[in-house]
């Protein structure tokens, strides 16, 4: 069970970051310069870089990372004017990840 609690949140976070990163692919448009595309791609990938940083923190400090992932999962509901189901799809992997990191922290302390 401990191995499961170690790797599942990390894998869900990686999959969630990959999903969010796919939205950056819309910068590739015909007729745009390579410099414009590079700048737009970096700007679109800023959320992915932030999430990767949170994952790096969570990899070492599970409780802190879990809390940060739970906070990040609230961001779509606060800042994005989408329908609630769209925000839920964007937030769900990170809410699950945060909960599992917190659970892993407390399960590890009990050993």
Protein backbone atom coordinates (compact mmCIF):
# COMPACT_ATOMS: atom_id res chain seq x y z
CA UNK A 1 0.00 0.00 0.00
CA UNK A 2 2.88 2.38 0.77
CA UNK A 3 4.35 1.96 -2.71
CA UNK A 4 0.92 2.71 -4.16
CA UNK A 5 0.63 5.88 -2.09
CA UNK A 6 4.10 6.87 -3.19
CA UNK A 7 3.69 6.54 -6.95
CA UNK A 8 0.01 7.08 -7.80
CA UNK A 9 -0.12 10.78 -6.84
CA UNK A 10 3.08 11.44 -8.77
CA UNK A 11 1.73 9.71 -11.88
CA UNK A 12 -1.63 11.51 -11.67
CA UNK A 13 0.20 14.84 -11.32
CA UNK A 14 2.37 14.09 -14.36
CA UNK A 15 -0.70 13.12 -16.39
CA UNK A 16 -2.53 16.28 -15.24
CA UNK A 17 0.42 18.47 -16.17
CA UNK A 18 0.61 16.79 -19.59
CA UNK A 19 -3.13 17.43 -20.07
CA UNK A 20 -2.80 21.11 -19.17
CA UNK A 21 0.27 21.39 -21.41
CA UNK A 22 -1.69 20.17 -24.43
CA UNK A 23 -3.60 23.45 -24.45
CA UNK A 24 -0.36 25.23 -25.37
CA UNK A 25 -0.35 23.52 -28.76
CA UNK A 26 -2.82 26.05 -30.13
CA UNK A 27 0.04 28.54 -30.63
CA UNK A 28 1.16 26.73 -33.78
CA UNK A 29 -0.52 28.71 -36.55
CA UNK A 30 0.51 29.02 -40.17
CA UNK A 31 2.13 32.31 -41.04
CA UNK A 32 3.50 33.06 -37.57
CA UNK A 33 7.22 33.61 -37.06
CA UNK A 34 9.32 31.18 -35.05
CA UNK A 35 10.03 33.90 -32.46
CA UNK A 36 6.34 34.64 -31.99
CA UNK A 37 5.56 30.94 -31.61
CA UNK A 38 8.41 30.47 -29.10
CA UNK A 39 7.24 33.37 -26.93
CA UNK A 40 3.61 32.28 -27.11
CA UNK A 41 4.54 28.69 -26.28
CA UNK A 42 6.52 29.73 -23.19
CA UNK A 43 3.64 31.96 -22.04
CA UNK A 44 1.10 29.16 -22.51
CA UNK A 45 3.32 26.72 -20.61
CA UNK A 46 3.73 28.91 -17.50
CA UNK A 47 0.96 27.01 -15.63
CA UNK A 48 2.68 23.73 -16.50
CA UNK A 49 6.01 25.05 -15.19
CA UNK A 50 4.33 26.14 -11.94
CA UNK A 51 2.66 22.74 -11.58
CA UNK A 52 5.96 20.97 -12.28
CA UNK A 53 7.56 23.06 -9.54
CA UNK A 54 4.80 22.10 -7.12
CA UNK A 55 5.32 18.46 -8.07
CA UNK A 56 9.04 18.84 -7.33
CA UNK A 57 8.18 20.21 -3.88
CA UNK A 58 5.62 17.46 -3.29
CA UNK A 59 8.12 14.80 -4.32
CA UNK A 60 10.26 15.75 -1.32
CA UNK A 61 7.72 17.26 1.11
CA UNK A 62 4.45 15.39 0.65
CA UNK A 63 2.34 17.43 3.07
CA UNK A 64 3.41 20.81 1.68
CA UNK A 65 3.00 19.60 -1.90
CA UNK A 66 -0.41 18.11 -1.11
CA UNK A 67 -1.66 21.38 0.33
CA UNK A 68 -0.27 23.30 -2.66
CA UNK A 69 -2.00 20.92 -5.09
CA UNK A 70 -5.29 21.37 -3.23
CA UNK A 71 -4.88 25.15 -3.45
CA UNK A 72 -4.10 24.89 -7.17
CA UNK A 73 -7.22 22.81 -7.71
CA UNK A 74 -9.31 25.79 -6.55
CA UNK A 75 -7.77 28.16 -9.12
CA UNK A 76 -10.08 27.27 -12.05
CA UNK A 77 -13.16 27.90 -9.93
CA UNK A 78 -11.90 31.30 -8.81
CA UNK A 79 -10.29 32.69 -11.97
CA UNK A 80 -11.82 30.96 -14.99
CA UNK A 81 -15.31 31.91 -16.16
CA UNK A 82 -16.07 28.42 -17.51
CA UNK A 83 -19.00 26.21 -16.75
CA UNK A 84 -18.54 24.34 -13.50
CA UNK A 85 -18.01 20.96 -15.18
CA UNK A 86 -15.13 22.37 -17.27
CA UNK A 87 -13.45 23.73 -14.15
CA UNK A 88 -14.03 20.40 -12.41
CA UNK A 89 -12.25 18.56 -15.22
CA UNK A 90 -9.31 20.96 -15.00
CA UNK A 91 -9.12 20.79 -11.19
CA UNK A 92 -9.89 17.12 -10.50
CA UNK A 93 -6.45 15.58 -11.16
CA UNK A 94 -4.78 18.11 -8.89
CA UNK A 95 -7.36 17.78 -6.11
CA UNK A 96 -6.93 13.99 -6.16
CA UNK A 97 -3.15 14.39 -6.26
CA UNK A 98 -3.19 16.76 -3.30
CA UNK A 99 -5.36 14.45 -1.25
CA UNK A 100 -3.17 11.45 -2.04
CA UNK A 101 0.03 13.32 -1.18
CA UNK A 102 -1.46 14.33 2.18
CA UNK A 103 -2.62 10.76 2.76
CA UNK A 104 0.85 9.45 1.86
CA UNK A 105 2.42 11.89 4.30
CA UNK A 106 0.31 10.71 7.21
CA UNK A 107 0.59 7.03 6.24
CA UNK A 108 4.37 7.42 6.17
CA UNK A 109 4.42 9.03 9.62
CA UNK A 110 2.46 6.13 11.08
CA UNK A 111 5.10 3.58 10.08
